[in-house]
Structure formats: C-alpha cells, structure tokens
Amino acid sequence: GINGKYYLSQPWFVRAGTMLYLGLGGDDLSTGGFGGNMALGYDLPAGKRNNLEFTLRADIAQLRSNTDKLTPIAGLRLAYNFNFRAR
C-alpha cells in the first residue's frame, strides 16, 4: 500500500492511503483488488531516536471474489520505529 502520515500535533498523527491486496484460497489465488485504509496513531518516545507507535486502524477491502461487498476491518498496531539518521 501507499500511505501518507500527517502529524496533528506531536505525538498524535493520522494516516490514510490505498492498498493492493491478494487473497489465497487452498493452493490458488482466490481474490484480489484495491482497498483503502485510515488510522489514528500516537508515537511514544523509546529513546533519543526511536519510538513505539500505537495505531488504531481501519481497512476496507473486498474479501470474497463472488460478491461486490466491501468489508471493513479494524485493528490495533504496535510498531517499534528505528531512526538511523544523525542528529
């Protein structure tokens, strides 16, 4: 997927984007297409250059190839972000 991240105020941010997804069924590709996502997140400092990212996200995708219905998917993401640039 391709996402953009915008800081509302440090450390709160929103993220939105598009994604390409593929679904496997058995030994074959069963579905695929485009979807979208959006998220609200918080960066918690975990050192001078690194942080923990907490994100509440929502994706929308067509999960079955035999229907035109889009399915919303909600999730919580926890990530450890490394920053290697010199300050």
N, C-alpha and C. Protein backbone atom coordinates (compact mmCIF):
# COMPACT_ATOMS: atom_id res chain seq x y z
N GLY A 1 0.81 -1.19 0.00
CA GLY A 1 0.00 0.00 0.00
C GLY A 1 0.85 1.25 0.00
N ILE A 2 0.22 2.35 -0.27
CA ILE A 2 0.85 3.67 -0.23
C ILE A 2 0.07 4.51 0.77
N ASN A 3 0.78 5.04 1.76
CA ASN A 3 0.15 5.81 2.83
C ASN A 3 0.81 7.16 2.99
N GLY A 4 0.04 8.09 3.50
CA GLY A 4 0.57 9.38 3.91
C GLY A 4 0.33 9.55 5.39
N LYS A 5 1.25 10.19 6.07
CA LYS A 5 1.17 10.38 7.52
C LYS A 5 1.23 11.87 7.80
N TYR A 6 0.29 12.37 8.61
CA TYR A 6 0.23 13.79 8.94
C TYR A 6 0.13 13.93 10.46
N TYR A 7 1.04 14.72 11.05
CA TYR A 7 1.02 14.95 12.49
C TYR A 7 0.06 16.08 12.80
N LEU A 8 -0.99 15.77 13.58
CA LEU A 8 -1.94 16.78 14.04
C LEU A 8 -1.25 17.70 15.03
N SER A 9 -0.59 17.11 15.99
CA SER A 9 0.29 17.77 16.94
C SER A 9 1.15 16.66 17.51
N GLN A 10 2.40 16.94 17.72
CA GLN A 10 3.33 15.91 18.19
C GLN A 10 2.82 15.39 19.53
N PRO A 11 2.61 14.17 19.77
CA PRO A 11 2.93 12.94 19.05
C PRO A 11 1.75 12.30 18.33
N TRP A 12 0.60 12.98 18.17
CA TRP A 12 -0.59 12.42 17.53
C TRP A 12 -0.52 12.59 16.01
N PHE A 13 -0.96 11.56 15.29
CA PHE A 13 -0.95 11.63 13.82
C PHE A 13 -2.15 10.89 13.24
N VAL A 14 -2.44 11.19 11.99
CA VAL A 14 -3.42 10.44 11.20
C VAL A 14 -2.70 9.90 9.98
N ARG A 15 -3.21 8.82 9.47
CA ARG A 15 -2.62 8.18 8.29
C ARG A 15 -3.75 7.73 7.38
N ALA A 16 -3.59 7.86 6.09
CA ALA A 16 -4.58 7.41 5.12
C ALA A 16 -3.86 6.94 3.87
N GLY A 17 -4.50 6.02 3.15
CA GLY A 17 -3.86 5.55 1.94
C GLY A 17 -4.68 4.51 1.20
N THR A 18 -4.04 3.92 0.24
CA THR A 18 -4.64 2.88 -0.59
C THR A 18 -3.79 1.64 -0.51
N MET A 19 -4.37 0.50 -0.88
CA MET A 19 -3.62 -0.75 -0.82
C MET A 19 -4.05 -1.69 -1.92
N LEU A 20 -3.17 -2.55 -2.30
CA LEU A 20 -3.44 -3.66 -3.19
C LEU A 20 -3.40 -4.91 -2.33
N TYR A 21 -4.41 -5.75 -2.42
CA TYR A 21 -4.44 -6.94 -1.59
C TYR A 21 -4.69 -8.17 -2.44
N LEU A 22 -4.21 -9.29 -1.95
CA LEU A 22 -4.38 -10.60 -2.60
C LEU A 22 -4.87 -11.58 -1.56
N GLY A 23 -5.84 -12.41 -1.94
CA GLY A 23 -6.36 -13.42 -1.03
C GLY A 23 -6.08 -14.80 -1.58
N LEU A 24 -5.58 -15.67 -0.73
CA LEU A 24 -5.26 -17.03 -1.14
C LEU A 24 -6.32 -17.98 -0.61
N GLY A 25 -6.68 -18.95 -1.41
CA GLY A 25 -7.64 -19.98 -1.01
C GLY A 25 -7.16 -21.33 -1.49
N GLY A 26 -6.86 -22.22 -0.57
CA GLY A 26 -6.30 -23.51 -0.96
C GLY A 26 -4.92 -23.32 -1.53
N ASP A 27 -4.71 -23.75 -2.76
CA ASP A 27 -3.41 -23.61 -3.41
C ASP A 27 -3.42 -22.55 -4.51
N ASP A 28 -4.45 -21.72 -4.54
CA ASP A 28 -4.61 -20.78 -5.64
C ASP A 28 -5.00 -19.41 -5.12
N LEU A 29 -4.87 -18.42 -5.98
CA LEU A 29 -5.29 -17.06 -5.68
C LEU A 29 -6.81 -16.99 -5.80
N SER A 30 -7.50 -16.58 -4.73
CA SER A 30 -8.96 -16.59 -4.77
C SER A 30 -9.56 -15.21 -4.97
N THR A 31 -8.88 -14.16 -4.57
CA THR A 31 -9.42 -12.82 -4.76
C THR A 31 -8.28 -11.80 -4.73
N GLY A 32 -8.56 -10.62 -5.15
CA GLY A 32 -7.59 -9.54 -5.13
C GLY A 32 -8.24 -8.26 -5.58
N GLY A 33 -7.63 -7.15 -5.29
CA GLY A 33 -8.16 -5.87 -5.71
C GLY A 33 -7.53 -4.73 -4.95
N PHE A 34 -8.22 -3.60 -4.99
CA PHE A 34 -7.76 -2.40 -4.31
C PHE A 34 -8.65 -2.12 -3.11
N GLY A 35 -8.09 -1.50 -2.11
CA GLY A 35 -8.83 -1.12 -0.92
C GLY A 35 -8.25 0.17 -0.37
N GLY A 36 -8.74 0.57 0.76
CA GLY A 36 -8.26 1.79 1.38
C GLY A 36 -8.07 1.59 2.87
N ASN A 37 -7.36 2.51 3.49
CA ASN A 37 -7.17 2.43 4.94
C ASN A 37 -6.99 3.82 5.52
N MET A 38 -7.29 3.91 6.81
CA MET A 38 -7.05 5.14 7.56
C MET A 38 -6.75 4.75 9.00
N ALA A 39 -6.06 5.65 9.70
CA ALA A 39 -5.62 5.32 11.05
C ALA A 39 -5.43 6.58 11.88
N LEU A 40 -5.52 6.41 13.19
CA LEU A 40 -5.19 7.43 14.17
C LEU A 40 -4.10 6.82 15.04
N GLY A 41 -3.00 7.56 15.26
CA GLY A 41 -1.88 6.97 15.98
C GLY A 41 -1.24 7.91 16.97
N TYR A 42 -0.36 7.31 17.78
CA TYR A 42 0.38 8.01 18.82
C TYR A 42 1.80 7.47 18.85
N ASP A 43 2.79 8.36 18.82
CA ASP A 43 4.21 7.98 18.92
C ASP A 43 4.69 8.20 20.34
N LEU A 44 5.16 7.14 20.98
CA LEU A 44 5.70 7.20 22.33
C LEU A 44 7.22 7.08 22.25
N PRO A 45 7.98 8.10 22.67
CA PRO A 45 9.44 8.02 22.59
C PRO A 45 9.98 6.83 23.37
N ALA A 46 10.93 6.12 22.76
CA ALA A 46 11.56 4.95 23.40
C ALA A 46 13.07 5.10 23.40
N GLY A 47 13.56 6.30 23.39
CA GLY A 47 14.99 6.60 23.34
C GLY A 47 15.18 7.91 22.61
N LYS A 48 16.45 8.27 22.35
CA LYS A 48 16.73 9.54 21.67
C LYS A 48 16.25 9.54 20.23
N ARG A 49 16.31 8.40 19.54
CA ARG A 49 15.97 8.35 18.12
C ARG A 49 14.83 7.40 17.78
N ASN A 50 14.40 6.56 18.68
CA ASN A 50 13.41 5.53 18.37
C ASN A 50 12.11 5.80 19.11
N ASN A 51 11.02 5.18 18.62
CA ASN A 51 9.75 5.33 19.29
C ASN A 51 8.88 4.09 19.12
N LEU A 52 7.90 3.99 19.99
CA LEU A 52 6.85 2.99 19.86
C LEU A 52 5.66 3.69 19.21
N GLU A 53 5.08 3.04 18.22
CA GLU A 53 3.94 3.61 17.52
C GLU A 53 2.70 2.76 17.81
N PHE A 54 1.68 3.38 18.38
CA PHE A 54 0.39 2.74 18.62
C PHE A 54 -0.58 3.28 17.58
N THR A 55 -1.22 2.42 16.83
CA THR A 55 -2.11 2.85 15.77
C THR A 55 -3.42 2.08 15.82
N LEU A 56 -4.54 2.82 15.83
CA LEU A 56 -5.86 2.23 15.68
C LEU A 56 -6.23 2.46 14.23
N ARG A 57 -6.46 1.37 13.49
CA ARG A 57 -6.62 1.49 12.05
C ARG A 57 -7.88 0.82 11.55
N ALA A 58 -8.32 1.24 10.38
CA ALA A 58 -9.47 0.64 9.71
C ALA A 58 -9.11 0.47 8.23
N ASP A 59 -9.31 -0.73 7.73
CA ASP A 59 -9.11 -1.04 6.32
C ASP A 59 -10.46 -1.39 5.70
N ILE A 60 -10.58 -1.20 4.41
CA ILE A 60 -11.77 -1.63 3.70
C ILE A 60 -11.32 -2.39 2.46
N ALA A 61 -11.86 -3.61 2.29
CA ALA A 61 -11.42 -4.47 1.19
C ALA A 61 -12.55 -5.43 0.83
N GLN A 62 -12.52 -5.91 -0.39
CA GLN A 62 -13.45 -6.94 -0.84
C GLN A 62 -12.79 -8.29 -0.57
N LEU A 63 -13.33 -9.04 0.40
CA LEU A 63 -12.67 -10.26 0.85
C LEU A 63 -13.03 -11.50 0.04
N ARG A 64 -14.13 -11.47 -0.66
CA ARG A 64 -14.53 -12.63 -1.47
C ARG A 64 -14.71 -12.19 -2.92
N SER A 65 -14.30 -13.03 -3.85
CA SER A 65 -14.37 -12.66 -5.26
C SER A 65 -15.79 -12.81 -5.81
N ASN A 66 -16.69 -13.50 -5.12
CA ASN A 66 -18.04 -13.71 -5.66
C ASN A 66 -19.06 -12.69 -5.16
N THR A 67 -18.60 -11.60 -4.59
CA THR A 67 -19.50 -10.55 -4.12
C THR A 67 -18.89 -9.18 -4.39
N ASP A 68 -19.76 -8.17 -4.45
CA ASP A 68 -19.29 -6.80 -4.65
C ASP A 68 -19.23 -6.03 -3.34
N LYS A 69 -19.48 -6.71 -2.21
CA LYS A 69 -19.50 -6.04 -0.92
C LYS A 69 -18.08 -5.77 -0.43
N LEU A 70 -17.90 -4.57 0.10
CA LEU A 70 -16.64 -4.23 0.74
C LEU A 70 -16.76 -4.51 2.23
N THR A 71 -15.71 -5.04 2.83
CA THR A 71 -15.71 -5.42 4.23
C THR A 71 -14.78 -4.50 5.02
N PRO A 72 -15.29 -3.86 6.08
CA PRO A 72 -14.40 -3.07 6.94
C PRO A 72 -13.66 -3.99 7.92
N ILE A 73 -12.41 -3.68 8.17
CA ILE A 73 -11.57 -4.45 9.08
C ILE A 73 -10.90 -3.45 10.02
N ALA A 74 -11.06 -3.66 11.32
CA ALA A 74 -10.45 -2.77 12.31
C ALA A 74 -9.31 -3.50 13.00
N GLY A 75 -8.28 -2.76 13.38
CA GLY A 75 -7.15 -3.39 14.05
C GLY A 75 -6.35 -2.41 14.88
N LEU A 76 -5.53 -2.96 15.74
CA LEU A 76 -4.62 -2.18 16.57
C LEU A 76 -3.21 -2.63 16.22
N ARG A 77 -2.35 -1.69 15.95
CA ARG A 77 -0.98 -2.00 15.54
C ARG A 77 -0.01 -1.41 16.55
N LEU A 78 1.00 -2.19 16.89
CA LEU A 78 2.09 -1.73 17.74
C LEU A 78 3.38 -1.95 16.96
N ALA A 79 4.15 -0.90 16.76
CA ALA A 79 5.38 -1.00 15.99
C ALA A 79 6.51 -0.28 16.72
N TYR A 80 7.72 -0.80 16.57
CA TYR A 80 8.92 -0.14 17.10
C TYR A 80 9.63 0.49 15.91
N ASN A 81 9.75 1.80 15.91
CA ASN A 81 10.35 2.52 14.79
C ASN A 81 11.79 2.89 15.11
N PHE A 82 12.68 2.55 14.17
CA PHE A 82 14.11 2.89 14.27
C PHE A 82 14.37 4.13 13.45
N ASN A 83 15.20 5.01 13.92
CA ASN A 83 15.62 6.18 13.19
C ASN A 83 17.14 6.16 13.13
N PHE A 84 17.70 5.97 11.93
CA PHE A 84 19.14 5.83 11.76
C PHE A 84 19.84 7.11 11.34
N ARG A 85 19.12 8.20 11.14
CA ARG A 85 19.79 9.41 10.68
C ARG A 85 20.49 10.11 11.85
N ALA A 86 21.54 10.80 11.53
CA ALA A 86 22.31 11.53 12.55
C ALA A 86 21.59 12.81 12.92
N ARG A 87 21.65 13.18 14.16
CA ARG A 87 21.02 14.43 14.61
C ARG A 87 22.05 15.40 15.07
